[in-house]
Amino acid sequence: MLGYRTIGNLVSLLLGIRVEGIVYLGCYKDSTIERVLSSTQSVSASNTPVQCARRCSDYRYAGVEFVTECFCGNTLNAIAMPEYNCMLHCPGDKLKRCGGYSMISIYTNWACGPPPTIANGNATLRKGDNVTYGSIADFYCGSGLIRKATITCLSNSSWEQATCEPPGQTLDICVTFIADIVLYAWNDI
C-alpha cells in the first residue's frame, strides 16, 4: 500500500512540477549504444536529480539513470516511457527517483518559473504549467494600454521584458525631440 508521501511524490513526478529549480520532463528509454543525452558525468554515490542538474548547469537537459549515473545534453530525441520504468531510489535522497535500467529520468535546467507580475496587466501561460525554455505566455494590459502580445521564457531562465504603456508615449517623446532639433537648427539659420 502506498502512503500519502509516496503518492504525493508520484503525482509531482507525473505533472512535470518544478522542484528545486528544475522541471521533470519524464521517463525515457536510453541505450549504451546511442545515449539520449550526449555528455556522461562521473558516477555519484550521492546522486539526486538536483545534484545532476547542477553538474549539467551548462546544458539544457540533465538526466539520472540506474541510481548513480548522470547525463547532460542540449537536445532530447527519445521515446517516452511509463513512469514505473524510472522508479529506482536515488542514493543521495531516497524520496527521489533516479531512473531505471536503460531508463533515464530527464529534467530541464532552463525553467523560468511563473510569468512575471506586470503593473496594469497580466500574463497567462499558453499551455498548462509549462515554464521551461521556449514556453509562451499571452500578455494582456488594462484598457487603453498597449503591449507586446506574448512573452517567452528565455534560455537564461528569465522571461522577456513586459510593460503596459499608454498609447503614443514613445512616439510623443520622439516627435518632441525631433521638433526641438528642428527648432534649434531653424534658430541657427
Protein backbone atom coordinates (compact mmCIF):
# COMPACT_ATOMS: atom_id res chain seq x y z
CA MET A 1 0.00 0.00 0.00
CA LEU A 2 1.31 3.46 -0.94
CA GLY A 3 1.49 6.13 1.74
CA TYR A 4 0.42 9.75 1.26
CA ARG A 5 4.05 10.91 0.89
CA THR A 6 4.78 8.32 -1.83
CA ILE A 7 1.60 9.22 -3.71
CA GLY A 8 2.48 12.92 -3.46
CA ASN A 9 5.96 12.29 -4.90
CA LEU A 10 4.48 10.23 -7.73
CA VAL A 11 1.91 12.92 -8.57
CA SER A 12 4.66 15.58 -8.58
CA LEU A 13 6.71 13.48 -10.99
CA LEU A 14 3.80 12.87 -13.32
CA LEU A 15 2.73 16.50 -13.54
CA GLY A 16 6.12 17.93 -14.53
CA ILE A 17 6.22 20.18 -11.49
CA ARG A 18 9.19 22.47 -10.89
CA VAL A 19 11.22 21.22 -7.92
CA GLU A 20 14.30 23.00 -6.56
CA GLY A 21 14.83 24.96 -9.80
CA ILE A 22 14.45 22.07 -12.25
CA VAL A 23 11.43 20.70 -14.10
CA TYR A 24 10.83 16.96 -14.54
CA LEU A 25 10.05 16.11 -18.17
CA GLY A 26 9.54 12.36 -17.90
CA CYS A 27 10.99 8.87 -18.14
CA TYR A 28 12.71 7.93 -21.42
CA LYS A 29 14.28 4.82 -22.97
CA ASP A 30 18.08 5.03 -23.13
CA SER A 31 20.79 2.91 -24.73
CA THR A 32 24.51 2.47 -24.14
CA ILE A 33 24.96 2.47 -27.92
CA GLU A 34 23.20 5.80 -28.55
CA ARG A 35 22.67 7.89 -25.41
CA VAL A 36 19.62 10.11 -25.06
CA LEU A 37 21.87 12.80 -23.54
CA SER A 38 25.35 13.03 -25.05
CA SER A 39 27.58 14.12 -22.14
CA THR A 40 28.36 11.49 -19.48
CA GLN A 41 29.21 12.76 -15.99
CA SER A 42 31.14 10.76 -13.40
CA VAL A 43 29.15 8.25 -11.33
CA SER A 44 28.00 9.65 -7.96
CA ALA A 45 27.30 7.64 -4.81
CA SER A 46 25.13 10.58 -3.61
CA ASN A 47 23.28 11.14 -6.91
CA THR A 48 19.98 13.08 -6.97
CA PRO A 49 18.16 14.92 -9.79
CA VAL A 50 19.17 18.29 -8.29
CA GLN A 51 22.83 17.27 -7.91
CA CYS A 52 22.91 16.03 -11.52
CA ALA A 53 21.20 19.22 -12.77
CA ARG A 54 23.87 21.31 -11.02
CA ARG A 55 26.59 19.27 -12.71
CA CYS A 56 24.79 19.87 -16.02
CA SER A 57 24.22 23.60 -15.48
CA ASP A 58 25.72 24.49 -18.89
CA TYR A 59 23.27 22.17 -20.66
CA ARG A 60 19.56 22.37 -21.35
CA TYR A 61 18.81 18.86 -20.01
CA ALA A 62 20.01 16.69 -17.12
CA GLY A 63 19.15 13.03 -16.68
CA VAL A 64 19.59 10.48 -13.89
CA GLU A 65 19.78 6.79 -14.71
CA PHE A 66 20.34 3.47 -12.94
CA VAL A 67 20.74 5.12 -9.50
CA THR A 68 24.24 6.65 -9.75
CA GLU A 69 24.53 7.83 -13.36
CA CYS A 70 24.18 11.45 -14.58
CA PHE A 71 23.99 12.62 -18.19
CA CYS A 72 23.72 16.09 -19.79
CA GLY A 73 22.71 17.34 -23.23
CA ASN A 74 21.14 20.13 -25.25
CA THR A 75 18.82 18.03 -27.41
CA LEU A 76 16.19 15.50 -26.46
CA ASN A 77 15.13 12.99 -29.09
CA ALA A 78 13.89 9.98 -27.17
CA ILE A 79 10.98 7.63 -26.64
CA ALA A 80 8.87 8.46 -23.58
CA MET A 81 8.19 5.51 -21.31
CA PRO A 82 5.67 4.87 -18.49
CA GLU A 83 6.81 6.23 -15.12
CA TYR A 84 7.06 2.81 -13.47
CA ASN A 85 10.23 2.26 -15.56
CA CYS A 86 12.05 5.08 -13.70
CA MET A 87 11.43 4.17 -10.06
CA LEU A 88 14.88 3.34 -8.65
CA HIS A 89 15.66 5.33 -5.49
CA CYS A 90 18.45 7.93 -5.57
CA PRO A 91 21.33 7.25 -3.16
CA GLY A 92 21.51 10.93 -2.13
CA ASP A 93 17.77 11.21 -1.39
CA LYS A 94 15.70 8.03 -1.06
CA LEU A 95 12.49 10.05 -1.67
CA LYS A 96 13.64 10.92 -5.20
CA ARG A 97 13.84 8.59 -8.21
CA CYS A 98 16.97 8.09 -10.32
CA GLY A 99 15.76 6.37 -13.47
CA GLY A 100 15.96 2.64 -14.08
CA TYR A 101 17.88 0.06 -16.10
CA SER A 102 18.33 1.68 -19.56
CA MET A 103 15.69 4.21 -18.48
CA ILE A 104 16.56 7.85 -17.81
CA SER A 105 14.61 10.44 -15.81
CA ILE A 106 15.01 13.74 -17.69
CA TYR A 107 14.89 17.24 -16.17
CA THR A 108 15.39 20.66 -17.71
CA ASN A 109 17.63 23.29 -16.16
CA TRP A 110 16.08 26.09 -18.17
CA ALA A 111 12.97 26.83 -16.16
CA CYS A 112 11.64 30.37 -15.80
CA GLY A 113 9.05 29.89 -13.10
CA PRO A 114 5.65 31.56 -13.40
CA PRO A 115 5.26 34.55 -15.75
CA PRO A 116 6.18 37.92 -14.19
CA THR A 117 3.79 40.23 -12.37
CA ILE A 118 3.10 43.20 -14.65
CA ALA A 119 1.80 46.59 -13.50
CA ASN A 120 -1.56 47.32 -15.19
CA GLY A 121 -1.62 43.89 -16.84
CA ASN A 122 -1.08 40.16 -16.53
CA ALA A 123 0.45 37.19 -18.32
CA THR A 124 -1.13 33.74 -18.65
CA LEU A 125 0.74 30.60 -19.69
CA ARG A 126 -0.43 29.42 -23.08
CA LYS A 127 -0.11 25.67 -22.30
CA GLY A 128 -0.75 24.42 -18.77
CA ASP A 129 2.06 24.83 -16.24
CA ASN A 130 4.99 24.53 -18.67
CA VAL A 131 7.64 27.03 -17.53
CA THR A 132 10.65 25.78 -19.49
CA TYR A 133 12.79 27.45 -22.15
CA GLY A 134 10.64 28.47 -25.13
CA SER A 135 7.35 28.50 -23.17
CA ILE A 136 4.98 31.27 -24.22
CA ALA A 137 2.67 33.40 -22.08
CA ASP A 138 -0.10 35.57 -23.51
CA PHE A 139 0.23 39.13 -22.26
CA TYR A 140 -2.79 41.34 -21.51
CA CYS A 141 -2.84 45.01 -20.50
CA GLY A 142 -5.60 47.06 -18.91
CA SER A 143 -7.97 49.06 -21.10
CA GLY A 144 -6.30 51.72 -23.23
CA LEU A 145 -2.75 50.43 -22.73
CA ILE A 146 -0.52 48.94 -25.42
CA ARG A 147 1.71 45.93 -25.07
CA LYS A 148 3.51 43.08 -26.78
CA ALA A 149 1.08 40.19 -27.44
CA THR A 150 3.26 37.41 -25.97
CA ILE A 151 6.37 36.92 -23.85
CA THR A 152 8.74 33.94 -23.99
CA CYS A 153 10.83 32.04 -21.44
CA LEU A 154 14.44 32.73 -22.46
CA SER A 155 17.45 30.40 -22.31
CA ASN A 156 18.84 32.35 -19.33
CA SER A 157 15.82 31.22 -17.24
CA SER A 158 14.09 34.60 -17.31
CA TRP A 159 11.01 35.94 -19.05
CA GLU A 160 11.17 38.59 -21.78
CA GLN A 161 10.64 42.14 -20.52
CA ALA A 162 6.98 43.16 -20.45
CA THR A 163 5.33 46.52 -19.73
CA CYS A 164 1.95 48.12 -20.28
CA GLU A 165 2.21 51.70 -21.58
CA PRO A 166 -0.25 54.40 -22.63
CA PRO A 167 -0.56 54.53 -26.44
CA GLY A 168 1.71 57.01 -28.23
CA GLN A 169 4.00 57.62 -25.25
CA THR A 170 7.13 56.55 -27.14
CA LEU A 171 6.06 58.35 -30.33
CA ASP A 172 5.25 61.57 -28.42
CA ILE A 173 8.75 61.65 -26.87
CA CYS A 174 10.35 61.04 -30.27
CA VAL A 175 8.27 63.75 -32.02
CA THR A 176 9.05 66.28 -29.24
CA PHE A 177 12.78 65.51 -29.52
CA ILE A 178 12.75 65.91 -33.33
CA ALA A 179 10.75 69.16 -33.04
CA ASP A 180 13.32 70.56 -30.58
CA ILE A 181 16.16 69.71 -33.01
CA VAL A 182 14.36 71.36 -35.95
CA LEU A 183 13.60 74.47 -33.85
CA TYR A 184 17.23 74.66 -32.69
CA ALA A 185 18.52 74.29 -36.27
CA TRP A 186 15.99 76.92 -37.52
CA ASN A 187 17.24 79.45 -34.91
CA ASP A 188 20.85 78.96 -36.11
CA ILE A 189 19.97 79.96 -39.73
